[in-house]
Amino acid sequence: MEEVTIEELNEVGKDDFVDILGSIYETSPWVAERAFPERPFASADELQQTMARVVREATAEEQLALLRAHPNLGEQTEMTDASEAEQAAAGLDQLTPEQYETFNRLNETYEEQFGFPFIMAVKNQTPAVIREAMERRIEHSESEEFTTALEEVHEIAELRIEELVTG
């Protein structure tokens, strides 16, 4: 993603705004579409807070679809460039066969239990830390994990906005 200033985001039309920010929340451009009318934004932080509010105000079905848009961690499958870079930075593209099998097993267990993939902001994390979080969070209740997953989605979005928006 090419960096952009908050001023540039405040000046572009809706289509460009959505093109630029549509993948901040994993393949869910509706978040950017609904944030667009709130312009102008004073800062990247205000933009992130607005996008987070859009998600919080969305229906439970929209939130679930957003969670389901995320790829499984450690899975070698097609994903957005941002997800691929984030997982690679955490070493998830270099798992040993044993680690890969463990991640697959945990991903399957998690998704069967909650109906969406395990989501975690993995920047600056290690495979061991991520695995431990997966094992711990499998013990959550459905409502607790839905909330936790959405919090992680917001953290991922915040990190992506920090990388994208300069100034």
Protein backbone atom coordinates (compact mmCIF):
# COMPACT_ATOMS: atom_id res chain seq x y z
CA MET A 1 0.00 0.00 0.00
CA GLU A 2 1.24 3.43 -0.88
CA GLU A 3 1.27 5.91 1.98
CA VAL A 4 -1.25 8.74 2.01
CA THR A 5 -1.78 11.79 4.21
CA ILE A 6 -4.95 12.44 6.18
CA GLU A 7 -5.37 15.60 4.09
CA GLU A 8 -5.32 13.54 0.89
CA LEU A 9 -7.91 11.15 2.33
CA ASN A 10 -10.11 14.12 3.22
CA GLU A 11 -9.94 15.38 -0.39
CA VAL A 12 -10.51 12.22 -2.46
CA GLY A 13 -13.90 11.10 -3.68
CA LYS A 14 -15.80 8.20 -2.19
CA ASP A 15 -14.58 5.60 -4.71
CA ASP A 16 -10.93 6.50 -4.14
CA PHE A 17 -11.47 6.66 -0.38
CA VAL A 18 -12.91 3.14 -0.41
CA ASP A 19 -10.16 1.90 -2.76
CA ILE A 20 -7.50 3.24 -0.38
CA LEU A 21 -9.11 2.09 2.88
CA GLY A 22 -11.30 -0.81 1.80
CA SER A 23 -8.87 -3.47 3.02
CA ILE A 24 -8.07 -1.88 6.39
CA TYR A 25 -10.82 -4.14 7.74
CA GLU A 26 -10.04 -7.39 5.90
CA THR A 27 -11.88 -7.42 2.54
CA SER A 28 -14.75 -5.46 4.09
CA PRO A 29 -14.98 -2.19 2.12
CA TRP A 30 -18.35 -1.42 3.71
CA VAL A 31 -16.45 -0.11 6.74
CA ALA A 32 -14.69 2.55 4.65
CA GLU A 33 -17.92 3.31 2.76
CA ARG A 34 -19.76 4.05 6.01
CA ALA A 35 -16.85 6.07 7.43
CA PHE A 36 -16.60 8.28 4.33
CA PRO A 37 -19.43 10.71 5.26
CA GLU A 38 -17.67 11.48 8.56
CA ARG A 39 -14.88 13.35 6.78
CA PRO A 40 -12.91 15.49 7.29
CA PHE A 41 -10.75 13.60 9.78
CA ALA A 42 -8.36 15.60 11.95
CA SER A 43 -5.93 12.68 12.31
CA ALA A 44 -5.27 9.05 11.52
CA ASP A 45 -6.41 8.29 15.07
CA GLU A 46 -9.79 9.92 14.45
CA LEU A 47 -10.12 7.95 11.20
CA GLN A 48 -9.36 4.70 13.05
CA GLN A 49 -11.82 5.52 15.83
CA THR A 50 -14.52 6.30 13.25
CA MET A 51 -13.94 3.04 11.39
CA ALA A 52 -14.01 1.12 14.69
CA ARG A 53 -17.31 2.80 15.59
CA VAL A 54 -18.74 1.79 12.20
CA VAL A 55 -17.92 -1.83 13.03
CA ARG A 56 -19.31 -1.56 16.56
CA GLU A 57 -22.57 -0.14 15.15
CA ALA A 58 -22.85 -2.84 12.46
CA THR A 59 -25.25 -5.73 12.81
CA ALA A 60 -24.08 -8.95 14.43
CA GLU A 61 -24.31 -10.60 10.99
CA GLU A 62 -22.03 -7.94 9.45
CA GLN A 63 -19.57 -8.31 12.31
CA LEU A 64 -19.55 -12.08 11.89
CA ALA A 65 -18.96 -11.71 8.14
CA LEU A 66 -16.05 -9.39 8.95
CA LEU A 67 -14.54 -11.99 11.28
CA ARG A 68 -15.03 -14.72 8.69
CA ALA A 69 -13.20 -12.60 6.09
CA HIS A 70 -9.92 -13.14 7.97
CA PRO A 71 -7.57 -15.95 6.92
CA ASN A 72 -6.47 -18.69 9.28
CA LEU A 73 -3.14 -17.89 10.92
CA GLY A 74 -0.29 -20.01 9.62
CA GLU A 75 -2.33 -21.40 6.76
CA GLN A 76 -0.69 -21.14 3.39
CA THR A 77 -3.65 -19.92 1.44
CA GLU A 78 -4.57 -16.88 -0.61
CA MET A 79 -4.92 -13.77 1.53
CA THR A 80 -4.63 -10.02 1.24
CA ASP A 81 -1.18 -8.48 0.87
CA ALA A 82 -1.53 -6.93 4.33
CA SER A 83 -2.38 -10.26 5.97
CA GLU A 84 0.43 -11.99 4.12
CA ALA A 85 2.96 -9.39 5.27
CA GLU A 86 1.67 -9.45 8.86
CA GLN A 87 1.86 -13.23 9.06
CA ALA A 88 5.32 -13.30 7.45
CA ALA A 89 6.57 -10.71 9.95
CA ALA A 90 5.47 -13.05 12.75
CA GLY A 91 7.27 -15.99 11.15
CA LEU A 92 4.06 -17.81 10.26
CA ASP A 93 5.32 -18.35 6.70
CA GLN A 94 8.28 -20.35 8.04
CA LEU A 95 6.58 -22.86 10.32
CA THR A 96 8.12 -26.29 10.71
CA PRO A 97 5.91 -29.19 9.57
CA GLU A 98 5.09 -29.89 13.23
CA GLN A 99 4.17 -26.25 13.93
CA TYR A 100 2.10 -26.13 10.75
CA GLU A 101 0.17 -29.22 11.83
CA THR A 102 -0.39 -27.75 15.31
CA PHE A 103 -1.69 -24.48 13.83
CA ASN A 104 -3.99 -26.38 11.46
CA ARG A 105 -5.40 -28.47 14.32
CA LEU A 106 -5.92 -25.39 16.53
CA ASN A 107 -7.47 -23.42 13.65
CA GLU A 108 -9.92 -26.26 12.96
CA THR A 109 -10.86 -26.64 16.62
CA TYR A 110 -11.28 -22.91 17.04
CA GLU A 111 -13.38 -22.46 13.91
CA GLU A 112 -15.61 -25.43 14.76
CA GLN A 113 -16.20 -23.96 18.21
CA PHE A 114 -16.77 -20.31 17.27
CA GLY A 115 -17.74 -20.28 13.57
CA PHE A 116 -14.98 -17.91 12.47
CA PRO A 117 -11.19 -18.10 12.23
CA PHE A 118 -8.84 -17.32 15.09
CA ILE A 119 -7.88 -13.64 14.79
CA MET A 120 -4.94 -11.98 16.46
CA ALA A 121 -2.86 -8.91 15.72
CA VAL A 122 0.39 -10.82 15.12
CA LYS A 123 2.76 -7.93 14.51
CA ASN A 124 5.84 -8.36 16.75
CA GLN A 125 4.61 -11.77 17.96
CA THR A 126 6.22 -15.20 17.62
CA PRO A 127 4.62 -18.46 16.53
CA ALA A 128 4.92 -19.72 20.12
CA VAL A 129 3.08 -16.70 21.55
CA ILE A 130 0.38 -17.00 18.89
CA ARG A 131 -0.05 -20.74 19.55
CA GLU A 132 -0.36 -20.08 23.30
CA ALA A 133 -3.03 -17.45 22.65
CA MET A 134 -4.94 -19.88 20.44
CA GLU A 135 -4.83 -22.56 23.13
CA ARG A 136 -5.97 -20.10 25.80
CA ARG A 137 -8.74 -18.50 23.77
CA ILE A 138 -10.28 -21.84 22.77
CA GLU A 139 -11.41 -21.94 26.41
CA HIS A 140 -13.43 -18.70 26.06
CA SER A 141 -17.20 -18.58 25.90
CA GLU A 142 -18.74 -17.77 22.52
CA SER A 143 -19.67 -14.20 23.48
CA GLU A 144 -16.31 -13.55 25.13
CA GLU A 145 -14.42 -14.77 22.07
CA PHE A 146 -16.63 -12.82 19.65
CA THR A 147 -15.74 -9.67 21.60
CA THR A 148 -12.05 -10.60 21.78
CA ALA A 149 -11.90 -11.32 18.04
CA LEU A 150 -13.47 -7.93 17.24
CA GLU A 151 -10.95 -6.21 19.54
CA GLU A 152 -8.15 -7.95 17.65
CA VAL A 153 -9.68 -6.84 14.33
CA HIS A 154 -9.65 -3.24 15.57
CA GLU A 155 -6.01 -3.58 16.63
CA ILE A 156 -5.09 -4.96 13.20
CA ALA A 157 -6.93 -2.05 11.56
CA GLU A 158 -5.13 0.45 13.78
CA LEU A 159 -1.75 -1.01 12.81
CA ARG A 160 -2.68 -0.91 9.13
CA ILE A 161 -3.80 2.72 9.36
CA GLU A 162 -0.54 3.62 11.15
CA GLU A 163 1.40 2.11 8.23
CA LEU A 164 -0.77 3.71 5.56
CA VAL A 165 -1.51 7.23 6.80
CA THR A 166 1.44 9.59 7.20
CA GLY A 167 1.75 12.94 8.86
